[in-house]
Protein backbone atom coordinates (compact mmCIF):
# COMPACT_ATOMS: atom_id res chain seq x y z
CA UNK A 1 0.00 0.00 0.00
CA UNK A 2 1.28 3.41 -0.90
CA UNK A 3 2.27 5.67 2.01
CA UNK A 4 0.55 8.69 0.46
CA UNK A 5 -2.75 6.79 0.05
CA UNK A 6 -2.56 5.58 3.66
CA UNK A 7 -2.14 9.17 4.92
CA UNK A 8 -5.12 10.35 2.88
CA UNK A 9 -7.32 7.54 4.22
CA UNK A 10 -6.25 8.28 7.77
CA UNK A 11 -6.96 12.00 7.28
CA UNK A 12 -10.44 11.25 5.89
CA UNK A 13 -11.27 8.91 8.78
CA UNK A 14 -10.13 11.48 11.35
CA UNK A 15 -12.13 14.23 9.63
CA UNK A 16 -15.26 12.05 9.66
CA UNK A 17 -14.75 11.25 13.35
CA UNK A 18 -14.41 14.94 14.20
CA UNK A 19 -17.55 15.74 12.17
CA UNK A 20 -19.51 12.95 13.90
CA UNK A 21 -18.39 14.21 17.31
CA UNK A 22 -19.45 17.76 16.48
CA UNK A 23 -22.88 16.64 15.26
CA UNK A 24 -23.40 14.52 18.38
CA UNK A 25 -22.39 17.44 20.60
CA UNK A 26 -24.74 19.88 18.87
CA UNK A 27 -27.77 17.56 18.88
CA UNK A 28 -27.61 16.72 22.60
CA UNK A 29 -28.55 20.26 23.71
CA UNK A 30 -31.99 20.33 25.30
CA UNK A 31 -34.85 21.78 23.31
CA UNK A 32 -36.54 24.92 24.55
CA UNK A 33 -39.93 24.25 26.09
CA UNK A 34 -42.85 25.72 24.15
CA UNK A 35 -44.71 28.59 25.76
CA UNK A 36 -47.99 27.53 27.37
CA UNK A 37 -50.39 30.38 28.04
CA UNK A 38 -52.33 30.22 31.27
CA UNK A 39 -52.91 31.36 34.80
CA UNK A 40 -51.17 30.21 37.96
CA UNK A 41 -52.19 30.99 41.52
CA UNK A 42 -49.52 31.19 44.23
CA UNK A 43 -50.85 30.27 47.69
CA UNK A 44 -49.35 30.67 51.13
CA UNK A 45 -49.24 28.02 53.88
CA UNK A 46 -52.85 28.61 54.94
CA UNK A 47 -54.16 28.14 51.40
CA UNK A 48 -54.92 31.80 50.78
CA UNK A 49 -54.16 33.11 47.27
CA UNK A 50 -51.24 35.52 47.55
CA UNK A 51 -50.37 36.15 43.91
CA UNK A 52 -51.86 35.41 40.50
CA UNK A 53 -49.40 34.98 37.63
CA UNK A 54 -50.62 35.10 34.03
CA UNK A 55 -48.57 34.08 31.03
CA UNK A 56 -49.25 35.30 27.51
CA UNK A 57 -47.35 33.83 24.57
CA UNK A 58 -46.44 35.82 21.48
CA UNK A 59 -45.34 33.79 18.46
PDB file of N, CA and C in Angstrom:
ATOM      1  N   UNK A   1       0.852  -1.169   0.000  1.00  0.00           N
ATOM      2  CA  UNK A   1       0.000   0.000   0.000  1.00  0.00           C
ATOM      3  C   UNK A   1       0.908   1.245   0.000  1.00  0.00           C
ATOM      4  N   UNK A   2       0.512   2.189  -0.760  1.00  0.00           N
ATOM      5  CA  UNK A   2       1.278   3.414  -0.900  1.00  0.00           C
ATOM      6  C   UNK A   2       1.165   4.258   0.375  1.00  0.00           C
ATOM      7  N   UNK A   3       2.258   4.856   0.796  1.00  0.00           N
ATOM      8  CA  UNK A   3       2.268   5.667   2.010  1.00  0.00           C
ATOM      9  C   UNK A   3       1.379   6.895   1.870  1.00  0.00           C
ATOM     10  N   UNK A   4       1.370   7.506   0.687  1.00  0.00           N
ATOM     11  CA  UNK A   4       0.546   8.686   0.458  1.00  0.00           C
ATOM     12  C   UNK A   4      -0.944   8.333   0.544  1.00  0.00           C
ATOM     13  N   UNK A   5      -1.345   7.224   0.001  1.00  0.00           N
ATOM     14  CA  UNK A   5      -2.749   6.792   0.055  1.00  0.00           C
ATOM     15  C   UNK A   5      -3.154   6.486   1.497  1.00  0.00           C
ATOM     16  N   UNK A   6      -2.263   5.900   2.261  1.00  0.00           N
ATOM     17  CA  UNK A   6      -2.555   5.582   3.661  1.00  0.00           C
ATOM     18  C   UNK A   6      -2.772   6.862   4.469  1.00  0.00           C
ATOM     19  N   UNK A   7      -1.970   7.891   4.222  1.00  0.00           N
ATOM     20  CA  UNK A   7      -2.135   9.169   4.920  1.00  0.00           C
ATOM     21  C   UNK A   7      -3.468   9.821   4.572  1.00  0.00           C
ATOM     22  N   UNK A   8      -3.840   9.759   3.292  1.00  0.00           N
ATOM     23  CA  UNK A   8      -5.124  10.345   2.878  1.00  0.00           C
ATOM     24  C   UNK A   8      -6.294   9.623   3.545  1.00  0.00           C
ATOM     25  N   UNK A   9      -6.234   8.307   3.570  1.00  0.00           N
ATOM     26  CA  UNK A   9      -7.315   7.539   4.217  1.00  0.00           C
ATOM     27  C   UNK A   9      -7.399   7.858   5.692  1.00  0.00           C
ATOM     28  N   UNK A  10      -6.268   7.954   6.350  1.00  0.00           N
ATOM     29  CA  UNK A  10      -6.251   8.285   7.772  1.00  0.00           C
ATOM     30  C   UNK A  10      -6.810   9.692   8.002  1.00  0.00           C
ATOM     31  N   UNK A  11      -6.446  10.636   7.152  1.00  0.00           N
ATOM     32  CA  UNK A  11      -6.960  12.004   7.284  1.00  0.00           C
ATOM     33  C   UNK A  11      -8.474  12.044   7.083  1.00  0.00           C
ATOM     34  N   UNK A  12      -8.993  11.288   6.136  1.00  0.00           N
ATOM     35  CA  UNK A  12     -10.439  11.246   5.888  1.00  0.00           C
ATOM     36  C   UNK A  12     -11.165  10.628   7.074  1.00  0.00           C
ATOM     37  N   UNK A  13     -10.637   9.564   7.631  1.00  0.00           N
ATOM     38  CA  UNK A  13     -11.269   8.915   8.780  1.00  0.00           C
ATOM     39  C   UNK A  13     -11.274   9.839   9.987  1.00  0.00           C
ATOM     40  N   UNK A  14     -10.183  10.542  10.224  1.00  0.00           N
ATOM     41  CA  UNK A  14     -10.127  11.476  11.353  1.00  0.00           C
ATOM     42  C   UNK A  14     -11.105  12.625  11.146  1.00  0.00           C
ATOM     43  N   UNK A  15     -11.195  13.139   9.921  1.00  0.00           N
ATOM     44  CA  UNK A  15     -12.134  14.227   9.632  1.00  0.00           C
ATOM     45  C   UNK A  15     -13.573  13.779   9.850  1.00  0.00           C
ATOM     46  N   UNK A  16     -13.913  12.572   9.443  1.00  0.00           N
ATOM     47  CA  UNK A  16     -15.264  12.051   9.664  1.00  0.00           C
ATOM     48  C   UNK A  16     -15.553  11.856  11.146  1.00  0.00           C
ATOM     49  N   UNK A  17     -14.565  11.426  11.907  1.00  0.00           N
ATOM     50  CA  UNK A  17     -14.751  11.251  13.352  1.00  0.00           C
ATOM     51  C   UNK A  17     -14.979  12.592  14.034  1.00  0.00           C
ATOM     52  N   UNK A  18     -14.228  13.610  13.624  1.00  0.00           N
ATOM     53  CA  UNK A  18     -14.413  14.942  14.199  1.00  0.00           C
ATOM     54  C   UNK A  18     -15.794  15.471  13.837  1.00  0.00           C
ATOM     55  N   UNK A  19     -16.216  15.293  12.608  1.00  0.00           N
ATOM     56  CA  UNK A  19     -17.546  15.738  12.174  1.00  0.00           C
ATOM     57  C   UNK A  19     -18.641  15.011  12.949  1.00  0.00           C
ATOM     58  N   UNK A  20     -18.512  13.715  13.146  1.00  0.00           N
ATOM     59  CA  UNK A  20     -19.511  12.954  13.900  1.00  0.00           C
ATOM     60  C   UNK A  20     -19.557  13.416  15.355  1.00  0.00           C
ATOM     61  N   UNK A  21     -18.416  13.701  15.943  1.00  0.00           N
ATOM     62  CA  UNK A  21     -18.386  14.210  17.314  1.00  0.00           C
ATOM     63  C   UNK A  21     -19.056  15.566  17.429  1.00  0.00           C
ATOM     64  N   UNK A  22     -18.830  16.436  16.466  1.00  0.00           N
ATOM     65  CA  UNK A  22     -19.453  17.762  16.477  1.00  0.00           C
ATOM     66  C   UNK A  22     -20.966  17.649  16.343  1.00  0.00           C
ATOM     67  N   UNK A  23     -21.436  16.814  15.442  1.00  0.00           N
ATOM     68  CA  UNK A  23     -22.882  16.639  15.258  1.00  0.00           C
ATOM     69  C   UNK A  23     -23.512  16.063  16.513  1.00  0.00           C
ATOM     70  N   UNK A  24     -22.869  15.105  17.145  1.00  0.00           N
ATOM     71  CA  UNK A  24     -23.399  14.517  18.380  1.00  0.00           C
ATOM     72  C   UNK A  24     -23.439  15.556  19.499  1.00  0.00           C
ATOM     73  N   UNK A  25     -22.430  16.404  19.567  1.00  0.00           N
ATOM     74  CA  UNK A  25     -22.390  17.437  20.599  1.00  0.00           C
ATOM     75  C   UNK A  25     -23.488  18.465  20.384  1.00  0.00           C
ATOM     76  N   UNK A  26     -23.741  18.859  19.153  1.00  0.00           N
ATOM     77  CA  UNK A  26     -24.745  19.884  18.873  1.00  0.00           C
ATOM     78  C   UNK A  26     -26.170  19.360  19.019  1.00  0.00           C
ATOM     79  N   UNK A  27     -26.408  18.088  18.800  1.00  0.00           N
ATOM     80  CA  UNK A  27     -27.767  17.557  18.881  1.00  0.00           C
ATOM     81  C   UNK A  27     -28.168  17.156  20.288  1.00  0.00           C
ATOM     82  N   UNK A  28     -27.247  17.128  21.243  1.00  0.00           N
ATOM     83  CA  UNK A  28     -27.615  16.722  22.596  1.00  0.00           C
ATOM     84  C   UNK A  28     -28.113  17.884  23.439  1.00  0.00           C
ATOM     85  N   UNK A  29     -28.065  19.122  22.942  1.00  0.00           N
ATOM     86  CA  UNK A  29     -28.547  20.258  23.714  1.00  0.00           C
ATOM     87  C   UNK A  29     -30.052  20.151  23.889  1.00  0.00           C
ATOM     88  N   UNK A  30     -30.553  20.463  25.068  1.00  0.00           N
ATOM     89  CA  UNK A  30     -31.994  20.331  25.305  1.00  0.00           C
ATOM     90  C   UNK A  30     -32.795  21.340  24.485  1.00  0.00           C
ATOM     91  N   UNK A  31     -33.952  20.922  24.078  1.00  0.00           N
ATOM     92  CA  UNK A  31     -34.849  21.783  23.315  1.00  0.00           C
ATOM     93  C   UNK A  31     -35.547  22.754  24.260  1.00  0.00           C
ATOM     94  N   UNK A  32     -35.843  23.931  23.748  1.00  0.00           N
ATOM     95  CA  UNK A  32     -36.541  24.924  24.550  1.00  0.00           C
ATOM     96  C   UNK A  32     -38.012  24.528  24.660  1.00  0.00           C
ATOM     97  N   UNK A  33     -38.544  24.615  25.863  1.00  0.00           N
ATOM     98  CA  UNK A  33     -39.934  24.253  26.094  1.00  0.00           C
ATOM     99  C   UNK A  33     -40.853  25.268  25.406  1.00  0.00           C
ATOM    100  N   UNK A  34     -41.933  24.784  24.786  1.00  0.00           N
ATOM    101  CA  UNK A  34     -42.852  25.719  24.149  1.00  0.00           C
ATOM    102  C   UNK A  34     -43.617  26.524  25.205  1.00  0.00           C
ATOM    103  N   UNK A  35     -43.974  27.725  24.847  1.00  0.00           N
ATOM    104  CA  UNK A  35     -44.707  28.586  25.758  1.00  0.00           C
ATOM    105  C   UNK A  35     -46.151  28.092  25.876  1.00  0.00           C
ATOM    106  N   UNK A  36     -46.623  27.970  27.106  1.00  0.00           N
ATOM    107  CA  UNK A  36     -47.992  27.531  27.367  1.00  0.00           C
ATOM    108  C   UNK A  36     -48.715  28.674  28.075  1.00  0.00           C
ATOM    109  N   UNK A  37     -49.673  29.287  27.385  1.00  0.00           N
ATOM    110  CA  UNK A  37     -50.392  30.381  28.035  1.00  0.00           C
ATOM    111  C   UNK A  37     -51.273  29.851  29.159  1.00  0.00           C
ATOM    112  N   UNK A  38     -51.464  30.667  30.183  1.00  0.00           N
ATOM    113  CA  UNK A  38     -52.327  30.223  31.269  1.00  0.00           C
ATOM    114  C   UNK A  38     -52.226  31.111  32.486  1.00  0.00           C
ATOM    115  N   UNK A  39     -52.833  30.624  33.544  1.00  0.00           N
ATOM    116  CA  UNK A  39     -52.905  31.359  34.797  1.00  0.00           C
ATOM    117  C   UNK A  39     -52.458  30.445  35.924  1.00  0.00           C
ATOM    118  N   UNK A  40     -51.668  30.992  36.831  1.00  0.00           N
ATOM    119  CA  UNK A  40     -51.165  30.206  37.959  1.00  0.00           C
ATOM    120  C   UNK A  40     -51.374  31.003  39.235  1.00  0.00           C
ATOM    121  N   UNK A  41     -51.937  30.339  40.232  1.00  0.00           N
ATOM    122  CA  UNK A  41     -52.186  30.987  41.519  1.00  0.00           C
ATOM    123  C   UNK A  41     -51.138  30.526  42.523  1.00  0.00           C
ATOM    124  N   UNK A  42     -50.508  31.487  43.195  1.00  0.00           N
ATOM    125  CA  UNK A  42     -49.519  31.190  44.235  1.00  0.00           C
ATOM    126  C   UNK A  42     -50.215  31.349  45.575  1.00  0.00           C
ATOM    127  N   UNK A  43     -50.175  30.269  46.388  1.00  0.00           N
ATOM    128  CA  UNK A  43     -50.855  30.271  47.686  1.00  0.00           C
ATOM    129  C   UNK A  43     -49.841  30.205  48.816  1.00  0.00           C
ATOM    130  N   UNK A  44     -50.218  30.751  49.963  1.00  0.00           N
ATOM    131  CA  UNK A  44     -49.348  30.667  51.132  1.00  0.00           C
ATOM    132  C   UNK A  44     -49.661  29.394  51.907  1.00  0.00           C
ATOM    133  N   UNK A  45     -49.097  29.245  53.102  1.00  0.00           N
ATOM    134  CA  UNK A  45     -49.243  28.019  53.879  1.00  0.00           C
ATOM    135  C   UNK A  45     -50.683  27.762  54.314  1.00  0.00           C
ATOM    136  N   UNK A  46     -51.472  28.805  54.506  1.00  0.00           N
ATOM    137  CA  UNK A  46     -52.853  28.613  54.944  1.00  0.00           C
ATOM    138  C   UNK A  46     -53.803  28.338  53.780  1.00  0.00           C
ATOM    139  N   UNK A  47     -53.319  28.416  52.556  1.00  0.00           N
ATOM    140  CA  UNK A  47     -54.163  28.143  51.396  1.00  0.00           C
ATOM    141  C   UNK A  47     -54.772  29.384  50.779  1.00  0.00           C
ATOM    142  N   UNK A  48     -54.401  30.540  51.293  1.00  0.00           N
ATOM    143  CA  UNK A  48     -54.922  31.798  50.782  1.00  0.00           C
ATOM    144  C   UNK A  48     -54.126  32.225  49.547  1.00  0.00           C
ATOM    145  N   UNK A  49     -54.817  32.695  48.507  1.00  0.00           N
ATOM    146  CA  UNK A  49     -54.156  33.114  47.274  1.00  0.00           C
ATOM    147  C   UNK A  49     -53.403  34.412  47.543  1.00  0.00           C
ATOM    148  N   UNK A  50     -52.095  34.371  47.296  1.00  0.00           N
ATOM    149  CA  UNK A  50     -51.235  35.516  47.550  1.00  0.00           C
ATOM    150  C   UNK A  50     -50.952  36.275  46.255  1.00  0.00           C
ATOM    151  N   UNK A  51     -50.758  35.531  45.173  1.00  0.00           N
ATOM    152  CA  UNK A  51     -50.366  36.147  43.913  1.00  0.00           C
ATOM    153  C   UNK A  51     -50.957  35.350  42.760  1.00  0.00           C
ATOM    154  N   UNK A  52     -51.360  36.051  41.711  1.00  0.00           N
ATOM    155  CA  UNK A  52     -51.861  35.407  40.497  1.00  0.00           C
ATOM    156  C   UNK A  52     -50.908  35.781  39.365  1.00  0.00           C
ATOM    157  N   UNK A  53     -50.338  34.757  38.731  1.00  0.00           N
ATOM    158  CA  UNK A  53     -49.404  34.982  37.633  1.00  0.00           C
ATOM    159  C   UNK A  53     -50.074  34.550  36.333  1.00  0.00           C
ATOM    160  N   UNK A  54     -50.067  35.430  35.347  1.00  0.00           N
ATOM    161  CA  UNK A  54     -50.616  35.097  34.030  1.00  0.00           C
ATOM    162  C   UNK A  54     -49.489  35.108  33.016  1.00  0.00           C
ATOM    163  N   UNK A  55     -49.592  34.206  32.062  1.00  0.00           N
ATOM    164  CA  UNK A  55     -48.569  34.082  31.027  1.00  0.00           C
ATOM    165  C   UNK A  55     -49.247  34.198  29.669  1.00  0.00           C
ATOM    166  N   UNK A  56     -48.750  35.120  28.864  1.00  0.00           N
ATOM    167  CA  UNK A  56     -49.250  35.303  27.511  1.00  0.00           C
ATOM    168  C   UNK A  56     -48.108  35.011  26.550  1.00  0.00           C
ATOM    169  N   UNK A  57     -48.376  34.222  25.530  1.00  0.00           N
ATOM    170  CA  UNK A  57     -47.351  33.835  24.570  1.00  0.00           C
ATOM    171  C   UNK A  57     -47.540  34.606  23.266  1.00  0.00           C
ATOM    172  N   UNK A  58     -46.441  35.130  22.757  1.00  0.00           N
ATOM    173  CA  UNK A  58     -46.444  35.818  21.475  1.00  0.00           C
ATOM    174  C   UNK A  58     -45.567  35.022  20.513  1.00  0.00           C
ATOM    175  N   UNK A  59     -46.121  34.574  19.432  1.00  0.00           N
ATOM    176  CA  UNK A  59     -45.345  33.793  18.460  1.00  0.00           C
ATOM    177  C   UNK A  59     -44.943  34.589  17.282  1.00  0.00           C
TER     178      UNK A  59
END
